Amino acid sequence: MSIRFNQSCPTCGRRIDIRASLLGCTVACQHCGSEFTACMSDTAQPRESSDELLDRVEAALQRAESAAQKSGLTSPSIVSQSGQN
């Protein structure tokens, strides 16, 4: 059995179990698909600016929409803050 630790996803906030062998590596959240660096302390990562966080959320939404299209599911159009798709 491998040693694991628990970390919050910086994008969606869900807690995920990560193998200790992945410390310092880029991992993807199993819930939202966002990528981040695995670390023992949630506070060890520098805080992102709101623009960086919005970019990460947008990328996660695009991956989800792409996956839905590939699986034949349709998803409602997401309207950005400026009112454009």
Protein backbone atom coordinates (compact mmCIF):
# COMPACT_ATOMS: atom_id res chain seq x y z
CA MET A 1 0.00 0.00 0.00
CA SER A 2 1.33 3.44 -0.91
CA ILE A 3 1.56 6.40 1.43
CA ARG A 4 -0.94 9.14 0.60
CA PHE A 5 -1.74 12.64 1.76
CA ASN A 6 -4.79 14.83 1.36
CA GLN A 7 -4.79 18.20 -0.44
CA SER A 8 -7.46 20.67 -1.57
CA CYS A 9 -7.77 21.42 -5.27
CA PRO A 10 -6.95 25.14 -5.70
CA THR A 11 -9.68 25.46 -8.35
CA CYS A 12 -12.72 23.58 -7.03
CA GLY A 13 -11.71 23.15 -3.37
CA ARG A 14 -12.47 19.42 -3.24
CA ARG A 15 -10.13 17.33 -1.07
CA ILE A 16 -8.23 14.65 -2.98
CA ASP A 17 -5.87 11.86 -1.96
CA ILE A 18 -2.44 12.07 -3.57
CA ARG A 19 0.35 9.49 -3.45
CA ALA A 20 3.39 10.76 -1.55
CA SER A 21 5.59 9.77 -4.51
CA LEU A 22 3.90 12.59 -6.48
CA LEU A 23 5.01 15.38 -4.12
CA GLY A 24 6.33 18.29 -6.18
CA CYS A 25 4.80 16.91 -9.37
CA THR A 26 1.97 18.38 -11.42
CA VAL A 27 -1.23 16.44 -10.75
CA ALA A 28 -4.81 16.79 -12.02
CA CYS A 29 -7.90 17.02 -9.83
CA GLN A 30 -10.11 13.98 -10.40
CA HIS A 31 -13.21 16.17 -9.97
CA CYS A 32 -12.60 19.26 -12.14
CA GLY A 33 -9.47 18.31 -14.13
CA SER A 34 -7.50 21.34 -12.96
CA GLU A 35 -3.74 20.84 -12.79
CA PHE A 36 -1.64 21.94 -9.80
CA THR A 37 1.56 21.04 -7.94
CA ALA A 38 1.16 18.41 -5.22
CA CYS A 39 2.44 19.63 -1.85
CA MET A 40 1.98 18.58 1.78
CA SER A 41 0.58 21.93 2.92
CA ASP A 42 -2.29 23.73 1.21
CA THR A 43 -0.72 27.03 2.26
CA ALA A 44 2.68 26.18 0.72
CA GLN A 45 1.51 27.21 -2.73
CA PRO A 46 1.57 30.92 -3.54
CA ARG A 47 -1.87 32.48 -3.92
CA GLU A 48 -2.96 33.08 -7.48
CA SER A 49 -4.32 36.37 -8.71
CA SER A 50 -8.00 36.37 -9.56
CA ASP A 51 -7.12 36.54 -13.28
CA GLU A 52 -4.94 33.42 -13.00
CA LEU A 53 -7.67 31.58 -11.12
CA LEU A 54 -10.29 32.58 -13.70
CA ASP A 55 -7.97 31.34 -16.47
CA ARG A 56 -7.65 27.97 -14.68
CA VAL A 57 -11.42 27.73 -14.22
CA GLU A 58 -12.00 28.60 -17.88
CA ALA A 59 -9.52 25.90 -18.95
CA ALA A 60 -11.29 23.35 -16.71
CA LEU A 61 -14.66 24.31 -18.19
CA GLN A 62 -13.30 23.96 -21.73
CA ARG A 63 -11.94 20.47 -20.92
CA ALA A 64 -15.32 19.49 -19.46
CA GLU A 65 -17.19 20.82 -22.50
CA SER A 66 -14.81 19.01 -24.84
CA ALA A 67 -15.25 15.75 -22.93
CA ALA A 68 -19.05 16.17 -23.03
CA GLN A 69 -18.97 16.72 -26.78
CA LYS A 70 -16.77 13.66 -27.34
CA SER A 71 -19.16 11.51 -25.31
CA GLY A 72 -22.15 12.80 -27.27
CA LEU A 73 -23.60 14.78 -24.37
CA THR A 74 -24.77 18.30 -24.98
CA SER A 75 -24.14 21.03 -22.46
CA PRO A 76 -25.69 24.46 -22.11
CA SER A 77 -23.65 27.33 -23.45
CA ILE A 78 -21.67 29.16 -20.81
CA VAL A 79 -21.90 32.93 -21.03
CA SER A 80 -18.83 34.89 -19.96
CA GLN A 81 -18.98 37.97 -17.75
CA SER A 82 -18.88 40.21 -20.81
CA GLY A 83 -22.00 38.51 -22.17
CA GLN A 84 -20.21 36.80 -25.06
CA ASN A 85 -19.79 33.06 -25.68
